[in-house]
Amino acid sequence: MATNSKPKTTTSAATSAEKKTPAKSDAAKELKDLFEDSLKDIYWAEKALVKALPKMQKNATDETLKQAIGQHLEETKVQVSRLEETFESIGVKAQAKKCDAMQGLLDEADSIIEETEPGTVRDAGIIAASQKVEHYEIATYGTLAAFAKVLGEKEALSNLLETLEEEKNCDQLLTQLADTNLNSKAK
C-alpha cells in the first residue's frame, strides 16, 4: 500500500483571522462610508484626467483621435461638475482623495508617449492607455451606482449612471478608432 507523504494542512478560523490586515482608524465602517470614500477617489481621478487629456491630445497625430480626446476632455469637465452635484445630493462636501489607480494609469500613459515615436504607433499607444483609463472608470462608476442604489441615493444613482454611459460610449469610440484605422496603420 502506498501512503501519501504530503502533510495534511488545516486552517483554523483563528489562524485566518490573524492574517487579516488591520483596518486604519478612519476605515469605512458602513457602505455609506465606502461610497463617500470611493466618490472622493473618482473625483480626484476625473480632475487628474482633465489635466492629462490635453497632453494626450497634443501628442496624437490622427485628427479623428485628437477630436475624440478633445470631446472627452469636455465631457470629463462635465463629469467633474456632476460629481460635485452628487456630493451635494448626499450632503457631503466635494473633496478629492488621491486615486492611486488613476495615477498609475496616467503615469503609464506618459511612459507610452515617451517610449513611442510620434505617428500611428504613438496613436495606438494613446488609445490603449485611454482605454485602460476608461475601463477603470467603467468599473468604478458601475460599483458606485450599485452602492447608490442600495443606499437609496436616487439623485446620485442617476448622475453615476449617466457618467457610466458616457464612459462606455467613449470606450466604444476608442475601440472603433483602433479597429477601423489606427492599429492597421501602426502595423
N, C-alpha and C. Protein backbone atom coordinates (compact mmCIF):
# COMPACT_ATOMS: atom_id res chain seq x y z
N MET A 1 0.83 -1.19 0.00
CA MET A 1 0.00 0.00 0.00
C MET A 1 0.87 1.24 0.00
N ALA A 2 0.49 2.19 -0.87
CA ALA A 2 1.23 3.45 -0.93
C ALA A 2 0.61 4.42 0.05
N THR A 3 1.46 5.17 0.66
CA THR A 3 0.95 6.18 1.59
C THR A 3 1.23 7.55 1.01
N ASN A 4 0.36 8.44 1.27
CA ASN A 4 0.53 9.80 0.81
C ASN A 4 1.49 10.51 1.75
N SER A 5 2.61 10.96 1.20
CA SER A 5 3.62 11.58 2.06
C SER A 5 3.40 13.07 2.28
N LYS A 6 2.38 13.63 1.62
CA LYS A 6 2.11 15.06 1.81
C LYS A 6 1.50 15.29 3.18
N PRO A 7 2.02 16.23 3.93
CA PRO A 7 1.41 16.51 5.24
C PRO A 7 0.06 17.19 5.05
N LYS A 8 -0.85 16.86 5.92
CA LYS A 8 -2.16 17.50 5.87
C LYS A 8 -2.05 18.88 6.50
N THR A 9 -2.69 19.83 5.84
CA THR A 9 -2.70 21.18 6.41
C THR A 9 -4.14 21.54 6.76
N THR A 10 -4.29 22.09 7.89
CA THR A 10 -5.61 22.55 8.31
C THR A 10 -5.49 24.02 8.67
N THR A 11 -6.53 24.74 8.33
CA THR A 11 -6.55 26.16 8.64
C THR A 11 -7.71 26.40 9.58
N SER A 12 -7.41 26.91 10.69
CA SER A 12 -8.48 27.23 11.65
C SER A 12 -8.95 28.65 11.43
N ALA A 13 -10.12 28.94 11.90
CA ALA A 13 -10.68 30.29 11.78
C ALA A 13 -9.77 31.30 12.48
N ALA A 14 -9.19 30.91 13.59
CA ALA A 14 -8.31 31.82 14.33
C ALA A 14 -7.07 32.16 13.51
N THR A 15 -6.50 31.17 12.83
CA THR A 15 -5.31 31.41 12.01
C THR A 15 -5.65 32.34 10.87
N SER A 16 -6.80 32.13 10.22
CA SER A 16 -7.21 33.00 9.11
C SER A 16 -7.41 34.43 9.59
N ALA A 17 -8.02 34.58 10.74
CA ALA A 17 -8.29 35.92 11.26
C ALA A 17 -7.00 36.66 11.59
N GLU A 18 -6.01 35.93 12.05
CA GLU A 18 -4.73 36.56 12.40
C GLU A 18 -4.03 37.14 11.18
N LYS A 19 -4.31 36.61 10.01
CA LYS A 19 -3.64 37.04 8.79
C LYS A 19 -4.29 38.26 8.14
N LYS A 20 -5.44 38.66 8.62
CA LYS A 20 -6.15 39.80 8.03
C LYS A 20 -5.41 41.09 8.34
N THR A 21 -5.44 41.98 7.39
CA THR A 21 -4.82 43.29 7.57
C THR A 21 -5.69 44.12 8.50
N PRO A 22 -5.11 44.71 9.49
CA PRO A 22 -5.92 45.54 10.39
C PRO A 22 -6.38 46.81 9.67
N ALA A 23 -7.57 47.25 10.00
CA ALA A 23 -8.12 48.45 9.40
C ALA A 23 -7.50 49.70 10.03
N LYS A 24 -7.39 50.75 9.24
CA LYS A 24 -6.92 52.03 9.76
C LYS A 24 -7.99 52.59 10.70
N SER A 25 -7.60 53.53 11.50
CA SER A 25 -8.54 54.11 12.47
C SER A 25 -9.71 54.83 11.80
N ASP A 26 -9.49 55.35 10.58
CA ASP A 26 -10.57 56.05 9.88
C ASP A 26 -11.20 55.19 8.79
N ALA A 27 -11.07 53.88 8.89
CA ALA A 27 -11.59 52.96 7.88
C ALA A 27 -13.11 53.02 7.81
N ALA A 28 -13.63 52.75 6.61
CA ALA A 28 -15.09 52.72 6.40
C ALA A 28 -15.69 51.62 7.26
N LYS A 29 -16.75 51.98 7.95
CA LYS A 29 -17.43 51.02 8.80
C LYS A 29 -18.76 50.58 8.19
N GLU A 30 -19.30 51.42 7.35
CA GLU A 30 -20.59 51.15 6.70
C GLU A 30 -20.45 51.38 5.20
N LEU A 31 -21.42 50.87 4.43
CA LEU A 31 -21.39 51.04 2.98
C LEU A 31 -21.40 52.52 2.61
N LYS A 32 -22.12 53.33 3.35
CA LYS A 32 -22.17 54.78 3.09
C LYS A 32 -20.76 55.38 3.18
N ASP A 33 -19.98 54.95 4.15
CA ASP A 33 -18.60 55.43 4.29
C ASP A 33 -17.76 55.03 3.08
N LEU A 34 -17.89 53.79 2.65
CA LEU A 34 -17.15 53.31 1.49
C LEU A 34 -17.59 54.05 0.23
N PHE A 35 -18.88 54.30 0.11
CA PHE A 35 -19.43 55.05 -1.02
C PHE A 35 -18.81 56.45 -1.08
N GLU A 36 -18.82 57.15 0.03
CA GLU A 36 -18.28 58.50 0.08
C GLU A 36 -16.78 58.51 -0.22
N ASP A 37 -16.06 57.56 0.33
CA ASP A 37 -14.62 57.46 0.10
C ASP A 37 -14.33 57.18 -1.38
N SER A 38 -15.13 56.32 -1.97
CA SER A 38 -14.95 55.99 -3.39
C SER A 38 -15.29 57.18 -4.29
N LEU A 39 -16.28 57.97 -3.89
CA LEU A 39 -16.60 59.19 -4.64
C LEU A 39 -15.42 60.17 -4.61
N LYS A 40 -14.79 60.29 -3.46
CA LYS A 40 -13.62 61.17 -3.33
C LYS A 40 -12.49 60.70 -4.25
N ASP A 41 -12.33 59.41 -4.35
CA ASP A 41 -11.31 58.80 -5.18
C ASP A 41 -11.54 59.10 -6.67
N ILE A 42 -12.76 58.88 -7.14
CA ILE A 42 -13.05 59.10 -8.57
C ILE A 42 -13.09 60.60 -8.88
N TYR A 43 -13.44 61.40 -7.90
CA TYR A 43 -13.41 62.86 -8.09
C TYR A 43 -11.97 63.31 -8.36
N TRP A 44 -11.02 62.80 -7.60
CA TRP A 44 -9.61 63.11 -7.84
C TRP A 44 -9.21 62.60 -9.21
N ALA A 45 -9.64 61.38 -9.54
CA ALA A 45 -9.28 60.76 -10.82
C ALA A 45 -9.77 61.60 -12.00
N GLU A 46 -11.00 62.05 -11.94
CA GLU A 46 -11.55 62.85 -13.05
C GLU A 46 -10.84 64.19 -13.17
N LYS A 47 -10.54 64.81 -12.03
CA LYS A 47 -9.82 66.09 -12.08
C LYS A 47 -8.41 65.90 -12.65
N ALA A 48 -7.76 64.78 -12.30
CA ALA A 48 -6.44 64.49 -12.85
C ALA A 48 -6.52 64.24 -14.35
N LEU A 49 -7.58 63.60 -14.76
CA LEU A 49 -7.77 63.33 -16.19
C LEU A 49 -7.96 64.62 -16.99
N VAL A 50 -8.65 65.59 -16.39
CA VAL A 50 -8.82 66.89 -17.06
C VAL A 50 -7.45 67.51 -17.34
N LYS A 51 -6.49 67.30 -16.46
CA LYS A 51 -5.14 67.83 -16.65
C LYS A 51 -4.33 66.99 -17.64
N ALA A 52 -4.60 65.69 -17.71
CA ALA A 52 -3.79 64.77 -18.54
C ALA A 52 -4.25 64.71 -20.00
N LEU A 53 -5.54 64.86 -20.24
CA LEU A 53 -6.04 64.71 -21.61
C LEU A 53 -5.44 65.69 -22.61
N PRO A 54 -5.20 66.94 -22.25
CA PRO A 54 -4.58 67.84 -23.23
C PRO A 54 -3.20 67.34 -23.72
N LYS A 55 -2.42 66.72 -22.86
CA LYS A 55 -1.13 66.18 -23.27
C LYS A 55 -1.33 65.03 -24.27
N MET A 56 -2.30 64.18 -23.99
CA MET A 56 -2.59 63.08 -24.92
C MET A 56 -3.04 63.63 -26.27
N GLN A 57 -3.90 64.63 -26.21
CA GLN A 57 -4.42 65.24 -27.44
C GLN A 57 -3.28 65.87 -28.24
N LYS A 58 -2.40 66.58 -27.56
CA LYS A 58 -1.28 67.25 -28.22
C LYS A 58 -0.34 66.24 -28.89
N ASN A 59 -0.18 65.07 -28.28
CA ASN A 59 0.75 64.07 -28.80
C ASN A 59 0.14 63.11 -29.81
N ALA A 60 -1.18 63.16 -29.98
CA ALA A 60 -1.83 62.34 -31.00
C ALA A 60 -1.60 63.00 -32.36
N THR A 61 -1.55 62.20 -33.41
CA THR A 61 -1.36 62.76 -34.75
C THR A 61 -2.61 62.61 -35.61
N ASP A 62 -3.39 61.57 -35.38
CA ASP A 62 -4.60 61.35 -36.15
C ASP A 62 -5.66 62.37 -35.73
N GLU A 63 -6.21 63.07 -36.71
CA GLU A 63 -7.19 64.14 -36.41
C GLU A 63 -8.44 63.60 -35.73
N THR A 64 -8.91 62.44 -36.13
CA THR A 64 -10.10 61.87 -35.51
C THR A 64 -9.84 61.54 -34.05
N LEU A 65 -8.65 61.02 -33.77
CA LEU A 65 -8.28 60.72 -32.39
C LEU A 65 -8.17 62.02 -31.58
N LYS A 66 -7.54 63.04 -32.16
CA LYS A 66 -7.44 64.33 -31.47
C LYS A 66 -8.82 64.87 -31.11
N GLN A 67 -9.75 64.77 -32.08
CA GLN A 67 -11.11 65.25 -31.83
C GLN A 67 -11.80 64.44 -30.73
N ALA A 68 -11.61 63.14 -30.77
CA ALA A 68 -12.22 62.28 -29.75
C ALA A 68 -11.69 62.62 -28.36
N ILE A 69 -10.39 62.85 -28.26
CA ILE A 69 -9.81 63.22 -26.96
C ILE A 69 -10.34 64.58 -26.51
N GLY A 70 -10.42 65.52 -27.44
CA GLY A 70 -10.96 66.84 -27.10
C GLY A 70 -12.41 66.77 -26.64
N GLN A 71 -13.19 65.93 -27.31
CA GLN A 71 -14.58 65.75 -26.92
C GLN A 71 -14.66 65.13 -25.53
N HIS A 72 -13.80 64.15 -25.26
CA HIS A 72 -13.84 63.52 -23.95
C HIS A 72 -13.34 64.46 -22.86
N LEU A 73 -12.43 65.35 -23.20
CA LEU A 73 -11.99 66.35 -22.22
C LEU A 73 -13.17 67.21 -21.78
N GLU A 74 -13.97 67.68 -22.74
CA GLU A 74 -15.13 68.50 -22.39
C GLU A 74 -16.14 67.68 -21.58
N GLU A 75 -16.32 66.43 -21.96
CA GLU A 75 -17.23 65.55 -21.24
C GLU A 75 -16.74 65.31 -19.81
N THR A 76 -15.44 65.16 -19.65
CA THR A 76 -14.85 64.92 -18.33
C THR A 76 -15.05 66.14 -17.42
N LYS A 77 -14.94 67.32 -17.98
CA LYS A 77 -15.20 68.53 -17.19
C LYS A 77 -16.64 68.53 -16.66
N VAL A 78 -17.58 68.10 -17.49
CA VAL A 78 -18.98 67.99 -17.07
C VAL A 78 -19.12 66.91 -16.00
N GLN A 79 -18.37 65.83 -16.15
CA GLN A 79 -18.43 64.75 -15.17
C GLN A 79 -17.91 65.20 -13.81
N VAL A 80 -16.90 66.06 -13.80
CA VAL A 80 -16.41 66.63 -12.55
C VAL A 80 -17.53 67.42 -11.87
N SER A 81 -18.20 68.25 -12.66
CA SER A 81 -19.33 69.03 -12.11
C SER A 81 -20.44 68.11 -11.62
N ARG A 82 -20.70 67.06 -12.36
CA ARG A 82 -21.75 66.10 -11.97
C ARG A 82 -21.38 65.41 -10.66
N LEU A 83 -20.10 65.11 -10.48
CA LEU A 83 -19.67 64.52 -9.20
C LEU A 83 -19.88 65.51 -8.06
N GLU A 84 -19.62 66.79 -8.32
CA GLU A 84 -19.86 67.81 -7.30
C GLU A 84 -21.34 67.85 -6.93
N GLU A 85 -22.22 67.71 -7.93
CA GLU A 85 -23.66 67.64 -7.67
C GLU A 85 -24.01 66.38 -6.87
N THR A 86 -23.31 65.30 -7.17
CA THR A 86 -23.54 64.04 -6.45
C THR A 86 -23.18 64.18 -4.99
N PHE A 87 -22.03 64.78 -4.73
CA PHE A 87 -21.64 65.03 -3.33
C PHE A 87 -22.72 65.85 -2.64
N GLU A 88 -23.16 66.92 -3.30
CA GLU A 88 -24.18 67.79 -2.71
C GLU A 88 -25.47 67.01 -2.43
N SER A 89 -25.84 66.12 -3.36
CA SER A 89 -27.09 65.37 -3.20
C SER A 89 -27.07 64.43 -2.00
N ILE A 90 -25.87 64.01 -1.58
CA ILE A 90 -25.78 63.12 -0.41
C ILE A 90 -25.37 63.88 0.85
N GLY A 91 -25.25 65.21 0.72
CA GLY A 91 -24.96 66.04 1.88
C GLY A 91 -23.52 66.00 2.34
N VAL A 92 -22.61 65.79 1.40
CA VAL A 92 -21.18 65.71 1.72
C VAL A 92 -20.43 66.73 0.87
N LYS A 93 -19.47 67.41 1.47
CA LYS A 93 -18.66 68.38 0.75
C LYS A 93 -17.80 67.64 -0.29
N ALA A 94 -17.77 68.18 -1.51
CA ALA A 94 -16.94 67.59 -2.56
C ALA A 94 -15.47 67.71 -2.16
N GLN A 95 -14.82 66.58 -2.09
CA GLN A 95 -13.42 66.54 -1.68
C GLN A 95 -12.73 65.44 -2.46
N ALA A 96 -11.55 65.75 -2.98
CA ALA A 96 -10.77 64.76 -3.73
C ALA A 96 -9.79 64.04 -2.81
N LYS A 97 -9.65 62.76 -3.05
CA LYS A 97 -8.68 61.93 -2.34
C LYS A 97 -7.85 61.22 -3.41
N LYS A 98 -6.54 61.34 -3.33
CA LYS A 98 -5.69 60.79 -4.38
C LYS A 98 -6.07 59.36 -4.74
N CYS A 99 -6.22 59.16 -6.04
CA CYS A 99 -6.57 57.86 -6.58
C CYS A 99 -5.29 57.22 -7.13
N ASP A 100 -4.76 56.27 -6.39
CA ASP A 100 -3.51 55.61 -6.81
C ASP A 100 -3.67 54.88 -8.14
N ALA A 101 -4.83 54.30 -8.37
CA ALA A 101 -5.05 53.57 -9.62
C ALA A 101 -4.98 54.52 -10.82
N MET A 102 -5.66 55.65 -10.74
CA MET A 102 -5.63 56.60 -11.86
C MET A 102 -4.24 57.18 -12.02
N GLN A 103 -3.57 57.46 -10.92
CA GLN A 103 -2.21 57.98 -11.02
C GLN A 103 -1.33 56.99 -11.78
N GLY A 104 -1.46 55.72 -11.47
CA GLY A 104 -0.69 54.69 -12.17
C GLY A 104 -1.03 54.63 -13.64
N LEU A 105 -2.30 54.72 -13.98
CA LEU A 105 -2.72 54.69 -15.39
C LEU A 105 -2.21 55.90 -16.15
N LEU A 106 -2.23 57.07 -15.52
CA LEU A 106 -1.74 58.28 -16.18
C LEU A 106 -0.22 58.26 -16.31
N ASP A 107 0.46 57.70 -15.31
CA ASP A 107 1.92 57.54 -15.42
C ASP A 107 2.26 56.61 -16.58
N GLU A 108 1.47 55.55 -16.72
CA GLU A 108 1.70 54.62 -17.83
C GLU A 108 1.45 55.30 -19.17
N ALA A 109 0.42 56.14 -19.25
CA ALA A 109 0.15 56.88 -20.49
C ALA A 109 1.34 57.78 -20.84
N ASP A 110 1.89 58.46 -19.84
CA ASP A 110 3.07 59.29 -20.08
C ASP A 110 4.23 58.46 -20.60
N SER A 111 4.43 57.30 -20.02
CA SER A 111 5.51 56.41 -20.46
C SER A 111 5.31 55.97 -21.90
N ILE A 112 4.08 55.64 -22.25
CA ILE A 112 3.79 55.22 -23.63
C ILE A 112 4.12 56.35 -24.60
N ILE A 113 3.75 57.56 -24.25
CA ILE A 113 4.05 58.71 -25.12
C ILE A 113 5.55 58.88 -25.27
N GLU A 114 6.28 58.78 -24.17
CA GLU A 114 7.73 58.96 -24.22
C GLU A 114 8.44 57.82 -24.94
N GLU A 115 7.86 56.63 -24.93
CA GLU A 115 8.52 55.46 -25.49
C GLU A 115 8.08 55.12 -26.91
N THR A 116 7.33 56.02 -27.54
CA THR A 116 6.91 55.80 -28.93
C THR A 116 7.21 57.04 -29.76
N GLU A 117 7.54 56.79 -31.02
CA GLU A 117 7.76 57.90 -31.95
C GLU A 117 6.41 58.51 -32.31
N PRO A 118 6.38 59.82 -32.53
CA PRO A 118 5.14 60.44 -32.98
C PRO A 118 4.63 59.78 -34.26
N GLY A 119 3.34 59.58 -34.34
CA GLY A 119 2.73 58.94 -35.51
C GLY A 119 1.75 57.87 -35.09
N THR A 120 1.53 56.94 -35.99
CA THR A 120 0.48 55.95 -35.77
C THR A 120 0.76 55.00 -34.61
N VAL A 121 2.02 54.67 -34.37
CA VAL A 121 2.33 53.78 -33.24
C VAL A 121 2.01 54.49 -31.93
N ARG A 122 2.38 55.75 -31.82
CA ARG A 122 2.05 56.52 -30.61
C ARG A 122 0.53 56.65 -30.48
N ASP A 123 -0.15 56.89 -31.60
CA ASP A 123 -1.60 56.99 -31.56
C ASP A 123 -2.22 55.70 -31.02
N ALA A 124 -1.71 54.56 -31.48
CA ALA A 124 -2.21 53.27 -31.00
C ALA A 124 -1.95 53.14 -29.49
N GLY A 125 -0.79 53.60 -29.05
CA GLY A 125 -0.46 53.57 -27.62
C GLY A 125 -1.36 54.48 -26.81
N ILE A 126 -1.67 55.64 -27.34
CA ILE A 126 -2.56 56.58 -26.66
C ILE A 126 -3.96 55.97 -26.52
N ILE A 127 -4.41 55.30 -27.57
CA ILE A 127 -5.71 54.63 -27.49
C ILE A 127 -5.68 53.55 -26.43
N ALA A 128 -4.62 52.75 -26.42
CA ALA A 128 -4.51 51.68 -25.42
C ALA A 128 -4.53 52.25 -24.01
N ALA A 129 -3.76 53.29 -23.78
CA ALA A 129 -3.72 53.92 -22.46
C ALA A 129 -5.08 54.51 -22.10
N SER A 130 -5.72 55.14 -23.06
CA SER A 130 -7.03 55.74 -22.83
C SER A 130 -8.07 54.69 -22.49
N GLN A 131 -8.00 53.55 -23.16
CA GLN A 131 -8.98 52.51 -22.87
C GLN A 131 -8.77 51.91 -21.49
N LYS A 132 -7.54 51.83 -21.04
CA LYS A 132 -7.29 51.36 -19.68
C LYS A 132 -7.95 52.31 -18.68
N VAL A 133 -7.84 53.60 -18.94
CA VAL A 133 -8.49 54.60 -18.08
C VAL A 133 -10.00 54.42 -18.13
N GLU A 134 -10.54 54.27 -19.33
CA GLU A 134 -11.99 54.10 -19.48
C GLU A 134 -12.48 52.86 -18.74
N HIS A 135 -11.75 51.77 -18.85
CA HIS A 135 -12.17 50.53 -18.18
C HIS A 135 -12.15 50.70 -16.66
N TYR A 136 -11.17 51.41 -16.16
CA TYR A 136 -11.14 51.70 -14.72
C TYR A 136 -12.36 52.53 -14.33
N GLU A 137 -12.65 53.55 -15.14
CA GLU A 137 -13.80 54.41 -14.83
C GLU A 137 -15.11 53.64 -14.93
N ILE A 138 -15.24 52.78 -15.92
CA ILE A 138 -16.45 51.98 -16.07
C ILE A 138 -16.65 51.10 -14.84
N ALA A 139 -15.60 50.45 -14.40
CA ALA A 139 -15.68 49.61 -13.20
C ALA A 139 -16.06 50.44 -11.98
N THR A 140 -15.44 51.60 -11.84
CA THR A 140 -15.70 52.45 -10.67
C THR A 140 -17.13 52.98 -10.67
N TYR A 141 -17.57 53.53 -11.80
CA TYR A 141 -18.92 54.09 -11.84
C TYR A 141 -19.98 53.00 -11.70
N GLY A 142 -19.72 51.82 -12.23
CA GLY A 142 -20.66 50.72 -12.05
C GLY A 142 -20.80 50.34 -10.58
N THR A 143 -19.67 50.27 -9.90
CA THR A 143 -19.67 49.96 -8.47
C THR A 143 -20.37 51.05 -7.67
N LEU A 144 -20.03 52.30 -7.96
CA LEU A 144 -20.66 53.42 -7.24
C LEU A 144 -22.17 53.46 -7.47
N ALA A 145 -22.60 53.16 -8.68
CA ALA A 145 -24.04 53.13 -8.97
C ALA A 145 -24.72 52.03 -8.16
N ALA A 146 -24.07 50.88 -8.05
CA ALA A 146 -24.63 49.79 -7.24
C ALA A 146 -24.74 50.20 -5.78
N PHE A 147 -23.70 50.88 -5.27
CA PHE A 147 -23.75 51.37 -3.89
C PHE A 147 -24.89 52.38 -3.71
N ALA A 148 -25.00 53.32 -4.65
CA ALA A 148 -26.05 54.36 -4.55
C ALA A 148 -27.44 53.73 -4.56
N LYS A 149 -27.61 52.70 -5.37
CA LYS A 149 -28.91 52.03 -5.44
C LYS A 149 -29.26 51.40 -4.10
N VAL A 150 -28.31 50.67 -3.52
CA VAL A 150 -28.54 50.03 -2.22
C VAL A 150 -28.80 51.06 -1.13
N LEU A 151 -28.08 52.19 -1.20
CA LEU A 151 -28.22 53.23 -0.19
C LEU A 151 -29.46 54.11 -0.40
N GLY A 152 -30.17 53.92 -1.50
CA GLY A 152 -31.36 54.71 -1.78
C GLY A 152 -31.05 56.14 -2.19
N GLU A 153 -29.87 56.37 -2.72
CA GLU A 153 -29.45 57.71 -3.15
C GLU A 153 -29.82 57.88 -4.64
N LYS A 154 -31.09 58.25 -4.88
CA LYS A 154 -31.63 58.27 -6.24
C LYS A 154 -30.95 59.29 -7.15
N GLU A 155 -30.71 60.50 -6.65
CA GLU A 155 -30.06 61.52 -7.49
C GLU A 155 -28.63 61.11 -7.80
N ALA A 156 -27.93 60.61 -6.81
CA ALA A 156 -26.56 60.13 -7.01
C ALA A 156 -26.56 59.00 -8.03
N LEU A 157 -27.50 58.07 -7.89
CA LEU A 157 -27.60 56.95 -8.83
C LEU A 157 -27.80 57.45 -10.25
N SER A 158 -28.69 58.39 -10.43
CA SER A 158 -28.95 58.94 -11.76
C SER A 158 -27.69 59.57 -12.35
N ASN A 159 -27.00 60.38 -11.54
CA ASN A 159 -25.76 61.02 -12.00
C ASN A 159 -24.70 59.99 -12.36
N LEU A 160 -24.53 58.99 -11.53
CA LEU A 160 -23.50 57.98 -11.75
C LEU A 160 -23.80 57.13 -12.99
N LEU A 161 -25.07 56.80 -13.19
CA LEU A 161 -25.44 56.03 -14.38
C LEU A 161 -25.23 56.84 -15.66
N GLU A 162 -25.50 58.13 -15.59
CA GLU A 162 -25.28 58.99 -16.76
C GLU A 162 -23.79 59.01 -17.13
N THR A 163 -22.94 59.16 -16.13
CA THR A 163 -21.50 59.16 -16.39
C THR A 163 -21.03 57.79 -16.85
N LEU A 164 -21.55 56.73 -16.26
CA LEU A 164 -21.19 55.38 -16.67
C LEU A 164 -21.48 55.18 -18.16
N GLU A 165 -22.62 55.65 -18.61
CA GLU A 165 -22.98 55.52 -20.03
C GLU A 165 -22.01 56.30 -20.91
N GLU A 166 -21.63 57.49 -20.48
CA GLU A 166 -20.65 58.28 -21.25
C GLU A 166 -19.31 57.57 -21.34
N GLU A 167 -18.88 56.96 -20.25
CA GLU A 167 -17.60 56.25 -20.24
C GLU A 167 -17.65 55.04 -21.18
N LYS A 168 -18.75 54.34 -21.18
CA LYS A 168 -18.91 53.20 -22.09
C LYS A 168 -18.89 53.66 -23.54
N ASN A 169 -19.55 54.77 -23.82
CA ASN A 169 -19.56 55.31 -25.18
C ASN A 169 -18.17 55.72 -25.63
N CYS A 170 -17.41 56.33 -24.73
CA CYS A 170 -16.04 56.73 -25.05
C CYS A 170 -15.19 55.49 -25.36
N ASP A 171 -15.32 54.47 -24.54
CA ASP A 171 -14.56 53.24 -24.77
C ASP A 171 -14.92 52.64 -26.12
N GLN A 172 -16.19 52.64 -26.45
CA GLN A 172 -16.65 52.10 -27.73
C GLN A 172 -16.07 52.91 -28.90
N LEU A 173 -16.03 54.22 -28.76
CA LEU A 173 -15.45 55.08 -29.80
C LEU A 173 -13.96 54.79 -29.98
N LEU A 174 -13.26 54.64 -28.88
CA LEU A 174 -11.83 54.34 -28.95
C LEU A 174 -11.59 52.99 -29.63
N THR A 175 -12.41 52.01 -29.32
CA THR A 175 -12.30 50.70 -29.97
C THR A 175 -12.53 50.84 -31.47
N GLN A 176 -13.54 51.60 -31.83
CA GLN A 176 -13.84 51.81 -33.25
C GLN A 176 -12.67 52.50 -33.95
N LEU A 177 -12.10 53.51 -33.33
CA LEU A 177 -10.94 54.20 -33.93
C LEU A 177 -9.78 53.24 -34.12
N ALA A 178 -9.51 52.43 -33.13
CA ALA A 178 -8.40 51.48 -33.22
C ALA A 178 -8.66 50.43 -34.29
N ASP A 179 -9.87 49.87 -34.28
CA ASP A 179 -10.20 48.78 -35.20
C ASP A 179 -10.30 49.23 -36.65
N THR A 180 -10.83 50.41 -36.88
CA THR A 180 -11.11 50.83 -38.25
C THR A 180 -9.95 51.55 -38.91
N ASN A 181 -8.97 51.96 -38.15
CA ASN A 181 -7.98 52.81 -38.76
C ASN A 181 -6.58 52.67 -38.18
N LEU A 182 -6.45 53.06 -36.95
CA LEU A 182 -5.12 53.31 -36.40
C LEU A 182 -4.26 52.07 -36.19
N ASN A 183 -4.82 51.01 -35.67
CA ASN A 183 -3.98 49.83 -35.42
C ASN A 183 -3.41 49.26 -36.71
N SER A 184 -4.20 49.28 -37.79
CA SER A 184 -3.70 48.78 -39.08
C SER A 184 -2.57 49.64 -39.61
N LYS A 185 -2.69 50.94 -39.47
CA LYS A 185 -1.63 51.84 -39.93
C LYS A 185 -0.37 51.69 -39.09
N ALA A 186 -0.53 51.38 -37.82
CA ALA A 186 0.61 51.26 -36.92
C ALA A 186 1.39 49.97 -37.15
N LYS A 187 0.77 49.04 -37.81
CA LYS A 187 1.38 47.74 -38.08
C LYS A 187 2.66 47.91 -38.81
